[in-house]
Amino acid sequence: MKPSNSDDSPGVAGGQGNVKACKIALKALADHDGTDLSSPEFRLYDYVDPDALDNLFTHRPDTIHSVVLEIDGAMLKIWENEGLYARVLEKENDE
């Protein structure tokens, strides 16, 4: 898989501090053309418990460095590297 954005842009930056993983996940999904967050059928909780996702990065920063989730058909990577980041990954075409 390759990132949907260029290598020059690492993804949605959450920065350091009290940034929540679910907030930057939603921002990355909103920036992705294939995900309509305004749809009444889209609920993040249908794919991942937002509190659990936030807790992974809040309470286990030394053990959890990244997660990849499939949300509404998109592969979303969230990682910690002196701050939280997220980006949507797209499958590479084999053609």
N, C-alpha and C. Protein backbone atom coordinates (compact mmCIF):
# COMPACT_ATOMS: atom_id res chain seq x y z
N MET A 1 0.84 -1.18 0.00
CA MET A 1 0.00 0.00 0.00
C MET A 1 0.88 1.23 0.00
N LYS A 2 0.38 2.28 -0.58
CA LYS A 2 1.11 3.53 -0.58
C LYS A 2 0.25 4.61 0.03
N PRO A 3 0.85 5.65 0.60
CA PRO A 3 0.06 6.72 1.18
C PRO A 3 -0.68 7.48 0.09
N SER A 4 -1.84 8.02 0.46
CA SER A 4 -2.61 8.77 -0.51
C SER A 4 -2.03 10.15 -0.74
N ASN A 5 -1.17 10.58 0.16
CA ASN A 5 -0.52 11.87 -0.03
C ASN A 5 0.95 11.63 -0.32
N SER A 6 1.64 12.66 -0.76
CA SER A 6 3.03 12.50 -1.17
C SER A 6 3.93 12.27 0.03
N ASP A 7 5.15 11.82 -0.24
CA ASP A 7 6.11 11.61 0.83
C ASP A 7 6.49 12.91 1.51
N ASP A 8 6.31 14.04 0.83
CA ASP A 8 6.62 15.33 1.42
C ASP A 8 5.63 15.69 2.52
N SER A 9 4.44 15.12 2.46
CA SER A 9 3.41 15.39 3.44
C SER A 9 3.16 14.12 4.24
N PRO A 10 3.60 14.09 5.50
CA PRO A 10 3.51 12.84 6.25
C PRO A 10 2.11 12.44 6.67
N GLY A 11 1.16 13.31 6.55
CA GLY A 11 -0.20 13.00 6.96
C GLY A 11 -0.75 14.13 7.80
N VAL A 12 -1.86 13.88 8.45
CA VAL A 12 -2.46 14.89 9.32
C VAL A 12 -1.70 14.88 10.62
N ALA A 13 -1.13 16.01 10.97
CA ALA A 13 -0.36 16.12 12.20
C ALA A 13 -1.27 16.47 13.36
N GLY A 14 -1.12 15.74 14.42
CA GLY A 14 -1.87 16.03 15.62
C GLY A 14 -1.05 16.80 16.63
N GLY A 15 0.27 16.81 16.43
CA GLY A 15 1.14 17.51 17.35
C GLY A 15 1.31 16.76 18.65
N GLN A 16 1.84 17.45 19.62
CA GLN A 16 2.08 16.83 20.92
C GLN A 16 1.03 17.32 21.90
N GLY A 17 0.96 16.68 23.04
CA GLY A 17 0.04 17.12 24.07
C GLY A 17 -1.22 16.28 24.11
N ASN A 18 -2.34 16.96 24.34
CA ASN A 18 -3.61 16.27 24.54
C ASN A 18 -4.39 16.02 23.26
N VAL A 19 -3.70 15.82 22.16
CA VAL A 19 -4.38 15.55 20.90
C VAL A 19 -4.94 14.13 20.95
N LYS A 20 -6.17 13.97 20.54
CA LYS A 20 -6.82 12.66 20.57
C LYS A 20 -6.64 11.97 19.22
N ALA A 21 -6.35 10.68 19.28
CA ALA A 21 -6.15 9.89 18.07
C ALA A 21 -7.40 9.89 17.20
N CYS A 22 -8.58 9.81 17.81
CA CYS A 22 -9.80 9.77 17.00
C CYS A 22 -10.00 11.09 16.27
N LYS A 23 -9.57 12.20 16.84
CA LYS A 23 -9.73 13.51 16.19
C LYS A 23 -8.87 13.59 14.93
N ILE A 24 -7.61 13.15 15.01
CA ILE A 24 -6.78 13.22 13.81
C ILE A 24 -7.18 12.13 12.81
N ALA A 25 -7.73 11.03 13.31
CA ALA A 25 -8.24 9.99 12.40
C ALA A 25 -9.39 10.55 11.57
N LEU A 26 -10.31 11.25 12.21
CA LEU A 26 -11.44 11.85 11.50
C LEU A 26 -10.97 12.92 10.52
N LYS A 27 -9.96 13.70 10.90
CA LYS A 27 -9.42 14.72 10.01
C LYS A 27 -8.81 14.08 8.76
N ALA A 28 -8.04 13.01 8.95
CA ALA A 28 -7.44 12.32 7.81
C ALA A 28 -8.51 11.72 6.91
N LEU A 29 -9.54 11.15 7.52
CA LEU A 29 -10.64 10.59 6.73
C LEU A 29 -11.41 11.68 5.99
N ALA A 30 -11.58 12.82 6.62
CA ALA A 30 -12.29 13.93 5.98
C ALA A 30 -11.51 14.44 4.77
N ASP A 31 -10.19 14.41 4.85
CA ASP A 31 -9.34 14.86 3.75
C ASP A 31 -9.30 13.84 2.61
N HIS A 32 -9.73 12.62 2.88
CA HIS A 32 -9.73 11.54 1.89
C HIS A 32 -11.02 11.61 1.09
N ASP A 33 -10.90 11.61 -0.23
CA ASP A 33 -12.07 11.76 -1.10
C ASP A 33 -13.10 10.65 -0.97
N GLY A 34 -12.67 9.45 -0.59
CA GLY A 34 -13.57 8.31 -0.57
C GLY A 34 -14.43 8.16 0.67
N THR A 35 -14.28 9.06 1.63
CA THR A 35 -15.02 8.93 2.88
C THR A 35 -15.89 10.16 3.10
N ASP A 36 -17.20 9.94 3.26
CA ASP A 36 -18.14 11.04 3.48
C ASP A 36 -18.56 11.02 4.95
N LEU A 37 -17.89 11.86 5.75
CA LEU A 37 -18.19 11.90 7.18
C LEU A 37 -19.55 12.54 7.47
N SER A 38 -20.09 13.28 6.51
CA SER A 38 -21.39 13.91 6.74
C SER A 38 -22.56 12.97 6.48
N SER A 39 -22.26 11.81 5.93
CA SER A 39 -23.32 10.83 5.66
C SER A 39 -23.94 10.36 6.98
N PRO A 40 -25.25 10.29 7.04
CA PRO A 40 -25.89 9.81 8.27
C PRO A 40 -25.56 8.35 8.57
N GLU A 41 -25.06 7.63 7.57
CA GLU A 41 -24.70 6.23 7.78
C GLU A 41 -23.29 6.06 8.35
N PHE A 42 -22.46 7.12 8.32
CA PHE A 42 -21.10 6.99 8.83
C PHE A 42 -21.07 7.30 10.32
N ARG A 43 -20.58 6.32 11.07
CA ARG A 43 -20.32 6.51 12.50
C ARG A 43 -18.97 5.86 12.79
N LEU A 44 -18.04 6.62 13.30
CA LEU A 44 -16.72 6.09 13.61
C LEU A 44 -16.82 4.89 14.54
N TYR A 45 -17.77 4.94 15.46
CA TYR A 45 -17.92 3.87 16.44
C TYR A 45 -18.28 2.53 15.78
N ASP A 46 -18.81 2.54 14.57
CA ASP A 46 -19.09 1.30 13.86
C ASP A 46 -17.80 0.58 13.46
N TYR A 47 -16.69 1.31 13.44
CA TYR A 47 -15.41 0.74 13.00
C TYR A 47 -14.42 0.58 14.15
N VAL A 48 -14.44 1.50 15.08
CA VAL A 48 -13.50 1.46 16.20
C VAL A 48 -14.10 2.26 17.36
N ASP A 49 -13.84 1.81 18.57
CA ASP A 49 -14.27 2.55 19.75
C ASP A 49 -13.34 3.75 19.91
N PRO A 50 -13.84 4.98 19.73
CA PRO A 50 -12.98 6.16 19.81
C PRO A 50 -12.23 6.28 21.13
N ASP A 51 -12.88 5.96 22.24
CA ASP A 51 -12.21 6.03 23.54
C ASP A 51 -11.07 5.04 23.63
N ALA A 52 -11.28 3.83 23.13
CA ALA A 52 -10.22 2.82 23.14
C ALA A 52 -9.05 3.25 22.25
N LEU A 53 -9.35 3.83 21.09
CA LEU A 53 -8.30 4.31 20.20
C LEU A 53 -7.49 5.41 20.87
N ASP A 54 -8.17 6.36 21.48
CA ASP A 54 -7.47 7.42 22.20
C ASP A 54 -6.61 6.86 23.33
N ASN A 55 -7.16 5.89 24.06
CA ASN A 55 -6.43 5.31 25.19
C ASN A 55 -5.18 4.56 24.76
N LEU A 56 -5.21 3.95 23.58
CA LEU A 56 -4.01 3.25 23.09
C LEU A 56 -2.81 4.18 23.05
N PHE A 57 -3.03 5.38 22.55
CA PHE A 57 -1.92 6.32 22.39
C PHE A 57 -1.68 7.17 23.64
N THR A 58 -2.69 7.32 24.47
CA THR A 58 -2.54 8.12 25.69
C THR A 58 -1.86 7.34 26.79
N HIS A 59 -2.28 6.09 26.97
CA HIS A 59 -1.79 5.31 28.10
C HIS A 59 -0.67 4.35 27.76
N ARG A 60 -0.38 4.16 26.49
CA ARG A 60 0.66 3.22 26.09
C ARG A 60 1.60 3.82 25.05
N PRO A 61 2.09 5.03 25.27
CA PRO A 61 2.92 5.65 24.24
C PRO A 61 4.25 4.95 23.99
N ASP A 62 4.73 4.19 24.96
CA ASP A 62 6.01 3.50 24.77
C ASP A 62 5.86 2.14 24.09
N THR A 63 4.63 1.62 24.02
CA THR A 63 4.44 0.29 23.44
C THR A 63 3.67 0.30 22.13
N ILE A 64 2.76 1.24 21.96
CA ILE A 64 1.97 1.32 20.73
C ILE A 64 2.55 2.46 19.89
N HIS A 65 3.12 2.09 18.75
CA HIS A 65 3.72 3.10 17.88
C HIS A 65 2.85 3.40 16.67
N SER A 66 2.06 2.42 16.22
CA SER A 66 1.16 2.67 15.09
C SER A 66 0.07 1.61 15.04
N VAL A 67 -1.04 1.99 14.43
CA VAL A 67 -2.13 1.06 14.16
C VAL A 67 -2.64 1.35 12.75
N VAL A 68 -3.14 0.32 12.10
CA VAL A 68 -3.78 0.47 10.80
C VAL A 68 -5.18 -0.10 10.94
N LEU A 69 -6.17 0.71 10.58
CA LEU A 69 -7.56 0.34 10.70
C LEU A 69 -8.23 0.44 9.34
N GLU A 70 -9.18 -0.44 9.07
CA GLU A 70 -10.00 -0.30 7.87
C GLU A 70 -11.29 0.39 8.30
N ILE A 71 -11.48 1.59 7.75
CA ILE A 71 -12.65 2.40 8.10
C ILE A 71 -13.34 2.82 6.82
N ASP A 72 -14.56 2.38 6.65
CA ASP A 72 -15.36 2.73 5.48
C ASP A 72 -14.62 2.44 4.17
N GLY A 73 -13.94 1.31 4.11
CA GLY A 73 -13.22 0.90 2.91
C GLY A 73 -11.85 1.52 2.75
N ALA A 74 -11.46 2.42 3.64
CA ALA A 74 -10.15 3.06 3.58
C ALA A 74 -9.24 2.47 4.66
N MET A 75 -7.98 2.30 4.31
CA MET A 75 -6.99 1.85 5.29
C MET A 75 -6.38 3.09 5.91
N LEU A 76 -6.57 3.26 7.20
CA LEU A 76 -6.12 4.44 7.92
C LEU A 76 -4.98 4.06 8.85
N LYS A 77 -3.87 4.74 8.72
CA LYS A 77 -2.73 4.50 9.60
C LYS A 77 -2.62 5.68 10.56
N ILE A 78 -2.50 5.36 11.84
CA ILE A 78 -2.28 6.36 12.90
C ILE A 78 -0.99 5.96 13.58
N TRP A 79 -0.09 6.91 13.75
CA TRP A 79 1.18 6.59 14.40
C TRP A 79 1.65 7.72 15.28
N GLU A 80 2.57 7.38 16.19
CA GLU A 80 3.16 8.33 17.11
C GLU A 80 4.63 8.44 16.78
N ASN A 81 5.10 9.67 16.60
CA ASN A 81 6.50 9.96 16.37
C ASN A 81 6.73 11.39 16.83
N GLU A 82 6.92 11.56 18.12
CA GLU A 82 7.01 12.89 18.74
C GLU A 82 5.74 13.69 18.43
N GLY A 83 4.62 13.06 18.46
CA GLY A 83 3.31 13.62 18.15
C GLY A 83 2.51 12.58 17.40
N LEU A 84 1.22 12.79 17.27
CA LEU A 84 0.35 11.85 16.57
C LEU A 84 0.13 12.30 15.14
N TYR A 85 0.09 11.32 14.24
CA TYR A 85 -0.13 11.57 12.82
C TYR A 85 -1.11 10.52 12.29
N ALA A 86 -1.79 10.86 11.21
CA ALA A 86 -2.69 9.90 10.56
C ALA A 86 -2.71 10.19 9.07
N ARG A 87 -2.88 9.13 8.29
CA ARG A 87 -3.08 9.28 6.85
C ARG A 87 -3.79 8.05 6.32
N VAL A 88 -4.49 8.27 5.22
CA VAL A 88 -5.20 7.18 4.55
C VAL A 88 -4.23 6.55 3.57
N LEU A 89 -4.16 5.23 3.61
CA LEU A 89 -3.32 4.47 2.68
C LEU A 89 -4.21 3.94 1.57
N GLU A 90 -3.67 3.86 0.39
CA GLU A 90 -4.42 3.30 -0.73
C GLU A 90 -3.68 2.09 -1.25
N LYS A 91 -4.45 1.11 -1.69
CA LYS A 91 -3.86 -0.10 -2.26
C LYS A 91 -3.21 0.24 -3.59
N GLU A 92 -2.04 -0.34 -3.80
CA GLU A 92 -1.35 -0.13 -5.06
C GLU A 92 -2.02 -0.97 -6.16
N ASN A 93 -2.11 -0.42 -7.33
CA ASN A 93 -2.64 -1.16 -8.47
C ASN A 93 -1.61 -2.15 -8.94
N ASP A 94 -2.02 -3.36 -9.20
CA ASP A 94 -1.11 -4.38 -9.70
C ASP A 94 -0.94 -4.28 -11.21
N GLU A 95 -1.71 -3.43 -11.85
CA GLU A 95 -1.66 -3.32 -13.32
C GLU A 95 -0.54 -2.43 -13.77
